[in-house]
Amino acid sequence: MSQITTHILDTSRGKPAAGVRLALRRYADGKWSELAAGVTDADGRVSDLLKDGEALPAGEYQIAFETGAYYGDAPCFYPRVEITFRIEGDGQHYHVPLLLNPFGYSTYRGS
């Protein structure tokens, strides 16, 4: 399993958000660098952002979700959701879920 995983639940539709493009970035030397990208599956999950066993160093990371494209022509106040978080560099698993609707979102550290 990837050290960093995510999933999206569309609370307005009451189901997982499939087909959402996202990118994992690392902040270092004053800039963001993309490490990986993916698209949520039918269950709203991306579990293979990183190779199995690949451990990231401590630092600030971000997952950028392309939520506007997911909602298409429907009204959407947040065309992109960027969640920035810190990892300790100890190899533990980090799960970053997103609860989404067209006019709001919430996140937490999952398990």
PDB file of N, CA and C in Angstrom:
ATOM      1  N   MET A   1       0.841  -1.176   0.000  1.00  0.00           N
ATOM      2  CA  MET A   1       0.000   0.000   0.000  1.00  0.00           C
ATOM      3  C   MET A   1       0.890   1.244   0.000  1.00  0.00           C
ATOM      4  N   SER A   2       0.436   2.259  -0.675  1.00  0.00           N
ATOM      5  CA  SER A   2       1.118   3.538  -0.710  1.00  0.00           C
ATOM      6  C   SER A   2       1.176   4.148   0.691  1.00  0.00           C
ATOM      7  N   GLN A   3       2.241   4.873   0.995  1.00  0.00           N
ATOM      8  CA  GLN A   3       2.355   5.534   2.297  1.00  0.00           C
ATOM      9  C   GLN A   3       1.281   6.605   2.461  1.00  0.00           C
ATOM     10  N   ILE A   4       0.882   7.251   1.360  1.00  0.00           N
ATOM     11  CA  ILE A   4      -0.169   8.259   1.388  1.00  0.00           C
ATOM     12  C   ILE A   4      -1.322   7.771   0.520  1.00  0.00           C
ATOM     13  N   THR A   5      -2.515   7.720   1.114  1.00  0.00           N
ATOM     14  CA  THR A   5      -3.720   7.338   0.383  1.00  0.00           C
ATOM     15  C   THR A   5      -4.787   8.397   0.613  1.00  0.00           C
ATOM     16  N   THR A   6      -5.806   8.374  -0.232  1.00  0.00           N
ATOM     17  CA  THR A   6      -6.903   9.330  -0.098  1.00  0.00           C
ATOM     18  C   THR A   6      -8.184   8.727  -0.639  1.00  0.00           C
ATOM     19  N   HIS A   7      -9.288   9.308  -0.250  1.00  0.00           N
ATOM     20  CA  HIS A   7     -10.573   9.000  -0.870  1.00  0.00           C
ATOM     21  C   HIS A   7     -11.473  10.215  -0.735  1.00  0.00           C
ATOM     22  N   ILE A   8     -12.463  10.272  -1.630  1.00  0.00           N
ATOM     23  CA  ILE A   8     -13.397  11.397  -1.635  1.00  0.00           C
ATOM     24  C   ILE A   8     -14.816  10.855  -1.561  1.00  0.00           C
ATOM     25  N   LEU A   9     -15.581  11.403  -0.632  1.00  0.00           N
ATOM     26  CA  LEU A   9     -17.006  11.113  -0.554  1.00  0.00           C
ATOM     27  C   LEU A   9     -17.764  12.382  -0.922  1.00  0.00           C
ATOM     28  N   ASP A  10     -18.629  12.277  -1.904  1.00  0.00           N
ATOM     29  CA  ASP A  10     -19.453  13.404  -2.330  1.00  0.00           C
ATOM     30  C   ASP A  10     -20.700  13.405  -1.455  1.00  0.00           C
ATOM     31  N   THR A  11     -20.726  14.266  -0.463  1.00  0.00           N
ATOM     32  CA  THR A  11     -21.835  14.275   0.495  1.00  0.00           C
ATOM     33  C   THR A  11     -23.129  14.799  -0.115  1.00  0.00           C
ATOM     34  N   SER A  12     -23.043  15.531  -1.224  1.00  0.00           N
ATOM     35  CA  SER A  12     -24.262  16.023  -1.874  1.00  0.00           C
ATOM     36  C   SER A  12     -24.971  14.926  -2.645  1.00  0.00           C
ATOM     37  N   ARG A  13     -24.214  13.935  -3.086  1.00  0.00           N
ATOM     38  CA  ARG A  13     -24.784  12.823  -3.853  1.00  0.00           C
ATOM     39  C   ARG A  13     -24.895  11.546  -3.021  1.00  0.00           C
ATOM     40  N   GLY A  14     -24.262  11.564  -1.869  1.00  0.00           N
ATOM     41  CA  GLY A  14     -24.305  10.407  -0.997  1.00  0.00           C
ATOM     42  C   GLY A  14     -23.557   9.205  -1.530  1.00  0.00           C
ATOM     43  N   LYS A  15     -22.448   9.460  -2.241  1.00  0.00           N
ATOM     44  CA  LYS A  15     -21.667   8.362  -2.799  1.00  0.00           C
ATOM     45  C   LYS A  15     -20.221   8.794  -3.027  1.00  0.00           C
ATOM     46  N   PRO A  16     -19.335   7.838  -3.294  1.00  0.00           N
ATOM     47  CA  PRO A  16     -17.941   8.184  -3.577  1.00  0.00           C
ATOM     48  C   PRO A  16     -17.842   9.049  -4.833  1.00  0.00           C
ATOM     49  N   ALA A  17     -16.820   9.883  -4.871  1.00  0.00           N
ATOM     50  CA  ALA A  17     -16.568  10.745  -6.025  1.00  0.00           C
ATOM     51  C   ALA A  17     -15.554  10.055  -6.932  1.00  0.00           C
ATOM     52  N   ALA A  18     -16.041   9.460  -8.015  1.00  0.00           N
ATOM     53  CA  ALA A  18     -15.170   8.758  -8.963  1.00  0.00           C
ATOM     54  C   ALA A  18     -14.701   9.705 -10.061  1.00  0.00           C
ATOM     55  N   GLY A  19     -13.510   9.473 -10.561  1.00  0.00           N
ATOM     56  CA  GLY A  19     -12.993  10.230 -11.689  1.00  0.00           C
ATOM     57  C   GLY A  19     -12.400  11.582 -11.361  1.00  0.00           C
ATOM     58  N   VAL A  20     -12.067  11.834 -10.099  1.00  0.00           N
ATOM     59  CA  VAL A  20     -11.470  13.117  -9.713  1.00  0.00           C
ATOM     60  C   VAL A  20      -9.954  13.029  -9.864  1.00  0.00           C
ATOM     61  N   ARG A  21      -9.404  13.927 -10.651  1.00  0.00           N
ATOM     62  CA  ARG A  21      -7.948  13.994 -10.821  1.00  0.00           C
ATOM     63  C   ARG A  21      -7.341  14.691  -9.604  1.00  0.00           C
ATOM     64  N   LEU A  22      -6.166  14.218  -9.213  1.00  0.00           N
ATOM     65  CA  LEU A  22      -5.474  14.828  -8.083  1.00  0.00           C
ATOM     66  C   LEU A  22      -3.970  14.695  -8.252  1.00  0.00           C
ATOM     67  N   ALA A  23      -3.253  15.535  -7.528  1.00  0.00           N
ATOM     68  CA  ALA A  23      -1.791  15.506  -7.562  1.00  0.00           C
ATOM     69  C   ALA A  23      -1.251  15.579  -6.143  1.00  0.00           C
ATOM     70  N   LEU A  24      -0.206  14.818  -5.882  1.00  0.00           N
ATOM     71  CA  LEU A  24       0.517  14.865  -4.616  1.00  0.00           C
ATOM     72  C   LEU A  24       1.762  15.703  -4.831  1.00  0.00           C
ATOM     73  N   ARG A  25       1.964  16.695  -3.969  1.00  0.00           N
ATOM     74  CA  ARG A  25       3.100  17.609  -4.088  1.00  0.00           C
ATOM     75  C   ARG A  25       3.885  17.662  -2.781  1.00  0.00           C
ATOM     76  N   ARG A  26       5.158  17.993  -2.905  1.00  0.00           N
ATOM     77  CA  ARG A  26       6.031  18.195  -1.732  1.00  0.00           C
ATOM     78  C   ARG A  26       6.576  19.609  -1.774  1.00  0.00           C
ATOM     79  N   TYR A  27       6.618  20.259  -0.586  1.00  0.00           N
ATOM     80  CA  TYR A  27       7.165  21.611  -0.479  1.00  0.00           C
ATOM     81  C   TYR A  27       8.606  21.512  -0.008  1.00  0.00           C
ATOM     82  N   ALA A  28       9.505  21.997  -0.816  1.00  0.00           N
ATOM     83  CA  ALA A  28      10.930  22.004  -0.454  1.00  0.00           C
ATOM     84  C   ALA A  28      11.628  23.123  -1.225  1.00  0.00           C
ATOM     85  N   ASP A  29      12.593  23.717  -0.607  1.00  0.00           N
ATOM     86  CA  ASP A  29      13.371  24.794  -1.241  1.00  0.00           C
ATOM     87  C   ASP A  29      12.484  25.926  -1.751  1.00  0.00           C
ATOM     88  N   GLY A  30      11.416  26.215  -1.002  1.00  0.00           N
ATOM     89  CA  GLY A  30      10.562  27.349  -1.334  1.00  0.00           C
ATOM     90  C   GLY A  30       9.597  27.133  -2.482  1.00  0.00           C
ATOM     91  N   LYS A  31       9.404  25.883  -2.920  1.00  0.00           N
ATOM     92  CA  LYS A  31       8.478  25.644  -4.022  1.00  0.00           C
ATOM     93  C   LYS A  31       7.814  24.273  -3.891  1.00  0.00           C
ATOM     94  N   TRP A  32       6.696  24.129  -4.588  1.00  0.00           N
ATOM     95  CA  TRP A  32       5.974  22.853  -4.636  1.00  0.00           C
ATOM     96  C   TRP A  32       6.446  22.055  -5.841  1.00  0.00           C
ATOM     97  N   SER A  33       6.683  20.761  -5.633  1.00  0.00           N
ATOM     98  CA  SER A  33       7.073  19.851  -6.716  1.00  0.00           C
ATOM     99  C   SER A  33       6.099  18.684  -6.733  1.00  0.00           C
ATOM    100  N   GLU A  34       5.613  18.340  -7.911  1.00  0.00           N
ATOM    101  CA  GLU A  34       4.681  17.220  -8.023  1.00  0.00           C
ATOM    102  C   GLU A  34       5.433  15.901  -7.919  1.00  0.00           C
ATOM    103  N   LEU A  35       4.951  15.037  -7.034  1.00  0.00           N
ATOM    104  CA  LEU A  35       5.549  13.710  -6.838  1.00  0.00           C
ATOM    105  C   LEU A  35       4.772  12.625  -7.562  1.00  0.00           C
ATOM    106  N   ALA A  36       3.460  12.781  -7.621  1.00  0.00           N
ATOM    107  CA  ALA A  36       2.614  11.745  -8.203  1.00  0.00           C
ATOM    108  C   ALA A  36       1.260  12.349  -8.549  1.00  0.00           C
ATOM    109  N   ALA A  37       0.523  11.641  -9.394  1.00  0.00           N
ATOM    110  CA  ALA A  37      -0.820  12.058  -9.768  1.00  0.00           C
ATOM    111  C   ALA A  37      -1.679  10.810  -9.898  1.00  0.00           C
ATOM    112  N   GLY A  38      -2.988  11.002  -9.797  1.00  0.00           N
ATOM    113  CA  GLY A  38      -3.894   9.880  -9.925  1.00  0.00           C
ATOM    114  C   GLY A  38      -5.310  10.349 -10.169  1.00  0.00           C
ATOM    115  N   VAL A  39      -6.197   9.376 -10.309  1.00  0.00           N
ATOM    116  CA  VAL A  39      -7.618   9.621 -10.520  1.00  0.00           C
ATOM    117  C   VAL A  39      -8.372   8.683  -9.589  1.00  0.00           C
ATOM    118  N   THR A  40      -9.376   9.207  -8.911  1.00  0.00           N
ATOM    119  CA  THR A  40     -10.135   8.354  -7.995  1.00  0.00           C
ATOM    120  C   THR A  40     -10.880   7.264  -8.764  1.00  0.00           C
ATOM    121  N   ASP A  41     -10.935   6.081  -8.161  1.00  0.00           N
ATOM    122  CA  ASP A  41     -11.624   4.942  -8.770  1.00  0.00           C
ATOM    123  C   ASP A  41     -13.124   4.997  -8.449  1.00  0.00           C
ATOM    124  N   ALA A  42     -13.850   3.965  -8.792  1.00  0.00           N
ATOM    125  CA  ALA A  42     -15.296   3.918  -8.582  1.00  0.00           C
ATOM    126  C   ALA A  42     -15.678   4.043  -7.118  1.00  0.00           C
ATOM    127  N   ASP A  43     -14.755   3.693  -6.215  1.00  0.00           N
ATOM    128  CA  ASP A  43     -15.000   3.802  -4.783  1.00  0.00           C
ATOM    129  C   ASP A  43     -14.491   5.140  -4.237  1.00  0.00           C
ATOM    130  N   GLY A  44     -14.067   6.063  -5.126  1.00  0.00           N
ATOM    131  CA  GLY A  44     -13.580   7.379  -4.709  1.00  0.00           C
ATOM    132  C   GLY A  44     -12.186   7.345  -4.112  1.00  0.00           C
ATOM    133  N   ARG A  45     -11.439   6.264  -4.339  1.00  0.00           N
ATOM    134  CA  ARG A  45     -10.132   6.083  -3.703  1.00  0.00           C
ATOM    135  C   ARG A  45      -8.967   6.135  -4.690  1.00  0.00           C
ATOM    136  N   VAL A  46      -7.831   6.566  -4.163  1.00  0.00           N
ATOM    137  CA  VAL A  46      -6.555   6.424  -4.853  1.00  0.00           C
ATOM    138  C   VAL A  46      -5.620   5.807  -3.822  1.00  0.00           C
ATOM    139  N   SER A  47      -5.288   4.567  -4.021  1.00  0.00           N
ATOM    140  CA  SER A  47      -4.455   3.865  -3.045  1.00  0.00           C
ATOM    141  C   SER A  47      -3.052   3.593  -3.574  1.00  0.00           C
ATOM    142  N   ASP A  48      -2.777   4.001  -4.813  1.00  0.00           N
ATOM    143  CA  ASP A  48      -1.471   3.702  -5.404  1.00  0.00           C
ATOM    144  C   ASP A  48      -0.714   4.956  -5.846  1.00  0.00           C
ATOM    145  N   LEU A  49      -0.825   6.035  -5.074  1.00  0.00           N
ATOM    146  CA  LEU A  49      -0.094   7.259  -5.423  1.00  0.00           C
ATOM    147  C   LEU A  49       1.416   7.031  -5.436  1.00  0.00           C
ATOM    148  N   LEU A  50       1.896   6.275  -4.468  1.00  0.00           N
ATOM    149  CA  LEU A  50       3.322   5.985  -4.356  1.00  0.00           C
ATOM    150  C   LEU A  50       3.534   4.483  -4.475  1.00  0.00           C
ATOM    151  N   LYS A  51       4.729   4.094  -4.822  1.00  0.00           N
ATOM    152  CA  LYS A  51       5.065   2.673  -4.897  1.00  0.00           C
ATOM    153  C   LYS A  51       5.008   2.052  -3.507  1.00  0.00           C
ATOM    154  N   ASP A  52       4.614   0.786  -3.449  1.00  0.00           N
ATOM    155  CA  ASP A  52       4.617   0.068  -2.170  1.00  0.00           C
ATOM    156  C   ASP A  52       5.999   0.144  -1.550  1.00  0.00           C
ATOM    157  N   GLY A  53       6.044   0.494  -0.272  1.00  0.00           N
ATOM    158  CA  GLY A  53       7.312   0.542   0.443  1.00  0.00           C
ATOM    159  C   GLY A  53       8.077   1.844   0.295  1.00  0.00           C
ATOM    160  N   GLU A  54       7.651   2.735  -0.607  1.00  0.00           N
ATOM    161  CA  GLU A  54       8.331   4.012  -0.786  1.00  0.00           C
ATOM    162  C   GLU A  54       8.026   4.915   0.401  1.00  0.00           C
ATOM    163  N   ALA A  55       9.055   5.322   1.139  1.00  0.00           N
ATOM    164  CA  ALA A  55       8.872   6.167   2.325  1.00  0.00           C
ATOM    165  C   ALA A  55       9.341   7.587   2.011  1.00  0.00           C
ATOM    166  N   LEU A  56       8.504   8.532   2.333  1.00  0.00           N
ATOM    167  CA  LEU A  56       8.823   9.937   2.079  1.00  0.00           C
ATOM    168  C   LEU A  56       9.528  10.561   3.284  1.00  0.00           C
ATOM    169  N   PRO A  57      10.390  11.543   3.036  1.00  0.00           N
ATOM    170  CA  PRO A  57      11.030  12.241   4.147  1.00  0.00           C
ATOM    171  C   PRO A  57      10.045  13.165   4.854  1.00  0.00           C
ATOM    172  N   ALA A  58      10.398  13.560   6.061  1.00  0.00           N
ATOM    173  CA  ALA A  58       9.574  14.506   6.815  1.00  0.00           C
ATOM    174  C   ALA A  58       9.422  15.789   6.016  1.00  0.00           C
ATOM    175  N   GLY A  59       8.266  16.432   6.179  1.00  0.00           N
ATOM    176  CA  GLY A  59       8.062  17.702   5.505  1.00  0.00           C
ATOM    177  C   GLY A  59       6.604  17.998   5.242  1.00  0.00           C
ATOM    178  N   GLU A  60       6.393  19.067   4.459  1.00  0.00           N
ATOM    179  CA  GLU A  60       5.047  19.488   4.097  1.00  0.00           C
ATOM    180  C   GLU A  60       4.683  18.903   2.744  1.00  0.00           C
ATOM    181  N   TYR A  61       3.463  18.392   2.677  1.00  0.00           N
ATOM    182  CA  TYR A  61       2.945  17.794   1.457  1.00  0.00           C
ATOM    183  C   TYR A  61       1.564  18.363   1.192  1.00  0.00           C
ATOM    184  N   GLN A  62       1.088  18.166  -0.018  1.00  0.00           N
ATOM    185  CA  GLN A  62      -0.207  18.695  -0.401  1.00  0.00           C
ATOM    186  C   GLN A  62      -0.848  17.745  -1.414  1.00  0.00           C
ATOM    187  N   ILE A  63      -2.140  17.557  -1.269  1.00  0.00           N
ATOM    188  CA  ILE A  63      -2.912  16.882  -2.309  1.00  0.00           C
ATOM    189  C   ILE A  63      -3.849  17.928  -2.894  1.00  0.00           C
ATOM    190  N   ALA A  64      -3.757  18.122  -4.208  1.00  0.00           N
ATOM    191  CA  ALA A  64      -4.616  19.072  -4.918  1.00  0.00           C
ATOM    192  C   ALA A  64      -5.658  18.281  -5.702  1.00  0.00           C
ATOM    193  N   PHE A  65      -6.926  18.481  -5.370  1.00  0.00           N
ATOM    194  CA  PHE A  65      -8.039  17.777  -5.994  1.00  0.00           C
ATOM    195  C   PHE A  65      -8.701  18.698  -7.017  1.00  0.00           C
ATOM    196  N   GLU A  66      -8.900  18.248  -8.225  1.00  0.00           N
ATOM    197  CA  GLU A  66      -9.540  19.034  -9.283  1.00  0.00           C
ATOM    198  C   GLU A  66     -11.061  18.846  -9.205  1.00  0.00           C
ATOM    199  N   THR A  67     -11.665  19.511  -8.250  1.00  0.00           N
ATOM    200  CA  THR A  67     -13.082  19.320  -7.963  1.00  0.00           C
ATOM    201  C   THR A  67     -13.999  19.998  -8.982  1.00  0.00           C
ATOM    202  N   GLY A  68     -13.569  21.090  -9.570  1.00  0.00           N
ATOM    203  CA  GLY A  68     -14.385  21.775 -10.574  1.00  0.00           C
ATOM    204  C   GLY A  68     -14.652  20.890 -11.778  1.00  0.00           C
ATOM    205  N   ALA A  69     -13.637  20.195 -12.244  1.00  0.00           N
ATOM    206  CA  ALA A  69     -13.806  19.286 -13.383  1.00  0.00           C
ATOM    207  C   ALA A  69     -14.752  18.149 -13.023  1.00  0.00           C
ATOM    208  N   TYR A  70     -14.709  17.695 -11.783  1.00  0.00           N
ATOM    209  CA  TYR A  70     -15.602  16.626 -11.329  1.00  0.00           C
ATOM    210  C   TYR A  70     -17.062  17.056 -11.445  1.00  0.00           C
ATOM    211  N   TYR A  71     -17.373  18.290 -11.028  1.00  0.00           N
ATOM    212  CA  TYR A  71     -18.751  18.763 -11.072  1.00  0.00           C
ATOM    213  C   TYR A  71     -19.168  19.237 -12.469  1.00  0.00           C
ATOM    214  N   GLY A  72     -18.219  19.418 -13.370  1.00  0.00           N
ATOM    215  CA  GLY A  72     -18.547  19.788 -14.757  1.00  0.00           C
ATOM    216  C   GLY A  72     -19.259  21.120 -14.845  1.00  0.00           C
ATOM    217  N   ASP A  73     -20.404  21.134 -15.504  1.00  0.00           N
ATOM    218  CA  ASP A  73     -21.169  22.378 -15.704  1.00  0.00           C
ATOM    219  C   ASP A  73     -22.032  22.758 -14.509  1.00  0.00           C
ATOM    220  N   ALA A  74     -22.127  21.870 -13.530  1.00  0.00           N
ATOM    221  CA  ALA A  74     -22.926  22.173 -12.340  1.00  0.00           C
ATOM    222  C   ALA A  74     -22.218  23.244 -11.503  1.00  0.00           C
ATOM    223  N   PRO A  75     -22.969  24.049 -10.761  1.00  0.00           N
ATOM    224  CA  PRO A  75     -22.342  25.057  -9.912  1.00  0.00           C
ATOM    225  C   PRO A  75     -21.371  24.414  -8.914  1.00  0.00           C
ATOM    226  N   CYS A  76     -20.232  25.052  -8.760  1.00  0.00           N
ATOM    227  CA  CYS A  76     -19.207  24.559  -7.826  1.00  0.00           C
ATOM    228  C   CYS A  76     -18.383  25.749  -7.363  1.00  0.00           C
ATOM    229  N   PHE A  77     -18.428  26.057  -6.088  1.00  0.00           N
ATOM    230  CA  PHE A  77     -17.723  27.213  -5.542  1.00  0.00           C
ATOM    231  C   PHE A  77     -16.219  26.982  -5.427  1.00  0.00           C
ATOM    232  N   TYR A  78     -15.807  25.732  -5.186  1.00  0.00           N
ATOM    233  CA  TYR A  78     -14.395  25.386  -5.010  1.00  0.00           C
ATOM    234  C   TYR A  78     -13.913  24.560  -6.197  1.00  0.00           C
ATOM    235  N   PRO A  79     -13.329  25.192  -7.220  1.00  0.00           N
ATOM    236  CA  PRO A  79     -12.885  24.452  -8.395  1.00  0.00           C
ATOM    237  C   PRO A  79     -11.665  23.567  -8.125  1.00  0.00           C
ATOM    238  N   ARG A  80     -10.975  23.845  -7.041  1.00  0.00           N
ATOM    239  CA  ARG A  80      -9.807  23.045  -6.659  1.00  0.00           C
ATOM    240  C   ARG A  80      -9.723  23.071  -5.136  1.00  0.00           C
ATOM    241  N   VAL A  81      -9.475  21.920  -4.561  1.00  0.00           N
ATOM    242  CA  VAL A  81      -9.270  21.834  -3.118  1.00  0.00           C
ATOM    243  C   VAL A  81      -7.834  21.364  -2.902  1.00  0.00           C
ATOM    244  N   GLU A  82      -7.077  22.166  -2.163  1.00  0.00           N
ATOM    245  CA  GLU A  82      -5.693  21.822  -1.865  1.00  0.00           C
ATOM    246  C   GLU A  82      -5.553  21.616  -0.362  1.00  0.00           C
ATOM    247  N   ILE A  83      -5.199  20.400   0.018  1.00  0.00           N
ATOM    248  CA  ILE A  83      -5.040  20.059   1.426  1.00  0.00           C
ATOM    249  C   ILE A  83      -3.550  19.922   1.705  1.00  0.00           C
ATOM    250  N   THR A  84      -3.060  20.770   2.584  1.00  0.00           N
ATOM    251  CA  THR A  84      -1.646  20.752   2.954  1.00  0.00           C
ATOM    252  C   THR A  84      -1.509  20.105   4.322  1.00  0.00           C
ATOM    253  N   PHE A  85      -0.537  19.214   4.453  1.00  0.00           N
ATOM    254  CA  PHE A  85      -0.341  18.470   5.701  1.00  0.00           C
ATOM    255  C   PHE A  85       1.139  18.177   5.887  1.00  0.00           C
ATOM    256  N   ARG A  86       1.487  17.774   7.098  1.00  0.00           N
ATOM    257  CA  ARG A  86       2.876  17.479   7.446  1.00  0.00           C
ATOM    258  C   ARG A  86       3.002  16.004   7.793  1.00  0.00           C
ATOM    259  N   ILE A  87       4.087  15.392   7.302  1.00  0.00           N
ATOM    260  CA  ILE A  87       4.382  14.024   7.724  1.00  0.00           C
ATOM    261  C   ILE A  87       5.700  14.026   8.488  1.00  0.00           C
ATOM    262  N   GLU A  88       5.857  13.037   9.333  1.00  0.00           N
ATOM    263  CA  GLU A  88       6.994  12.985  10.249  1.00  0.00           C
ATOM    264  C   GLU A  88       8.233  12.299   9.674  1.00  0.00           C
ATOM    265  N   GLY A  89       8.104  11.616   8.550  1.00  0.00           N
ATOM    266  CA  GLY A  89       9.261  10.946   7.967  1.00  0.00           C
ATOM    267  C   GLY A  89       9.603   9.635   8.638  1.00  0.00           C
ATOM    268  N   ASP A  90       8.638   9.070   9.342  1.00  0.00           N
ATOM    269  CA  ASP A  90       8.882   7.830  10.083  1.00  0.00           C
ATOM    270  C   ASP A  90       8.325   6.610   9.355  1.00  0.00           C
ATOM    271  N   GLY A  91       7.857   6.797   8.114  1.00  0.00           N
ATOM    272  CA  GLY A  91       7.361   5.684   7.319  1.00  0.00           C
ATOM    273  C   GLY A  91       5.939   5.259   7.608  1.00  0.00           C
ATOM    274  N   GLN A  92       5.265   5.902   8.572  1.00  0.00           N
ATOM    275  CA  GLN A  92       3.898   5.488   8.876  1.00  0.00           C
ATOM    276  C   GLN A  92       2.944   5.872   7.748  1.00  0.00           C
ATOM    277  N   HIS A  93       1.775   5.240   7.738  1.00  0.00           N
ATOM    278  CA  HIS A  93       0.775   5.466   6.709  1.00  0.00           C
ATOM    279  C   HIS A  93      -0.011   6.737   7.026  1.00  0.00           C
ATOM    280  N   TYR A  94      -0.295   7.515   5.988  1.00  0.00           N
ATOM    281  CA  TYR A  94      -1.099   8.734   6.116  1.00  0.00           C
ATOM    282  C   TYR A  94      -2.279   8.641   5.156  1.00  0.00           C
ATOM    283  N   HIS A  95      -3.484   8.725   5.699  1.00  0.00           N
ATOM    284  CA  HIS A  95      -4.687   8.692   4.876  1.00  0.00           C
ATOM    285  C   HIS A  95      -5.344  10.064   4.971  1.00  0.00           C
ATOM    286  N   VAL A  96      -5.592  10.693   3.814  1.00  0.00           N
ATOM    287  CA  VAL A  96      -6.122  12.052   3.763  1.00  0.00           C
ATOM    288  C   VAL A  96      -7.459  12.031   3.017  1.00  0.00           C
ATOM    289  N   PRO A  97      -8.574  11.854   3.735  1.00  0.00           N
ATOM    290  CA  PRO A  97      -9.888  11.826   3.095  1.00  0.00           C
ATOM    291  C   PRO A  97     -10.443  13.236   2.864  1.00  0.00           C
ATOM    292  N   LEU A  98     -11.339  13.321   1.884  1.00  0.00           N
ATOM    293  CA  LEU A  98     -12.009  14.582   1.571  1.00  0.00           C
ATOM    294  C   LEU A  98     -13.511  14.324   1.513  1.00  0.00           C
ATOM    295  N   LEU A  99     -14.261  15.065   2.320  1.00  0.00           N
ATOM    296  CA  LEU A  99     -15.727  15.056   2.254  1.00  0.00           C
ATOM    297  C   LEU A  99     -16.102  16.295   1.461  1.00  0.00           C
ATOM    298  N   LEU A 100     -16.793  16.098   0.349  1.00  0.00           N
ATOM    299  CA  LEU A 100     -16.960  17.158  -0.636  1.00  0.00           C
ATOM    300  C   LEU A 100     -18.424  17.393  -0.991  1.00  0.00           C
ATOM    301  N   ASN A 101     -18.762  18.653  -1.213  1.00  0.00           N
ATOM    302  CA  ASN A 101     -20.014  19.030  -1.859  1.00  0.00           C
ATOM    303  C   ASN A 101     -19.725  20.286  -2.665  1.00  0.00           C
ATOM    304  N   PRO A 102     -20.604  20.727  -3.543  1.00  0.00           N
ATOM    305  CA  PRO A 102     -20.278  21.859  -4.423  1.00  0.00           C
ATOM    306  C   PRO A 102     -19.967  23.171  -3.703  1.00  0.00           C
ATOM    307  N   PHE A 103     -20.398  23.304  -2.446  1.00  0.00           N
ATOM    308  CA  PHE A 103     -20.203  24.569  -1.751  1.00  0.00           C
ATOM    309  C   PHE A 103     -19.466  24.436  -0.426  1.00  0.00           C
ATOM    310  N   GLY A 104     -18.799  23.313  -0.233  1.00  0.00           N
ATOM    311  CA  GLY A 104     -18.036  23.135   0.993  1.00  0.00           C
ATOM    312  C   GLY A 104     -17.256  21.838   0.974  1.00  0.00           C
ATOM    313  N   TYR A 105     -16.320  21.740   1.889  1.00  0.00           N
ATOM    314  CA  TYR A 105     -15.551  20.508   2.034  1.00  0.00           C
ATOM    315  C   TYR A 105     -14.989  20.404   3.443  1.00  0.00           C
ATOM    316  N   SER A 106     -14.604  19.193   3.805  1.00  0.00           N
ATOM    317  CA  SER A 106     -14.043  18.913   5.113  1.00  0.00           C
ATOM    318  C   SER A 106     -13.005  17.808   4.950  1.00  0.00           C
ATOM    319  N   THR A 107     -12.039  17.783   5.836  1.00  0.00           N
ATOM    320  CA  THR A 107     -11.019  16.754   5.805  1.00  0.00           C
ATOM    321  C   THR A 107     -10.583  16.425   7.220  1.00  0.00           C
ATOM    322  N   TYR A 108      -9.864  15.338   7.368  1.00  0.00           N
ATOM    323  CA  TYR A 108      -9.350  14.907   8.666  1.00  0.00           C
ATOM    324  C   TYR A 108      -8.236  13.909   8.406  1.00  0.00           C
ATOM    325  N   ARG A 109      -7.464  13.581   9.413  1.00  0.00           N
ATOM    326  CA  ARG A 109      -6.462  12.536   9.253  1.00  0.00           C
ATOM    327  C   ARG A 109      -7.152  11.201   9.484  1.00  0.00           C
ATOM    328  N   GLY A 110      -7.206  10.435   8.441  1.00  0.00           N
ATOM    329  CA  GLY A 110      -7.847   9.131   8.521  1.00  0.00           C
ATOM    330  C   GLY A 110      -6.883   8.047   8.967  1.00  0.00           C
ATOM    331  N   SER A 111      -7.352   6.819   8.900  1.00  0.00           N
ATOM    332  CA  SER A 111      -6.506   5.690   9.303  1.00  0.00           C
ATOM    333  C   SER A 111      -6.365   4.703   8.172  1.00  0.00           C
TER     334      SER A 111
END
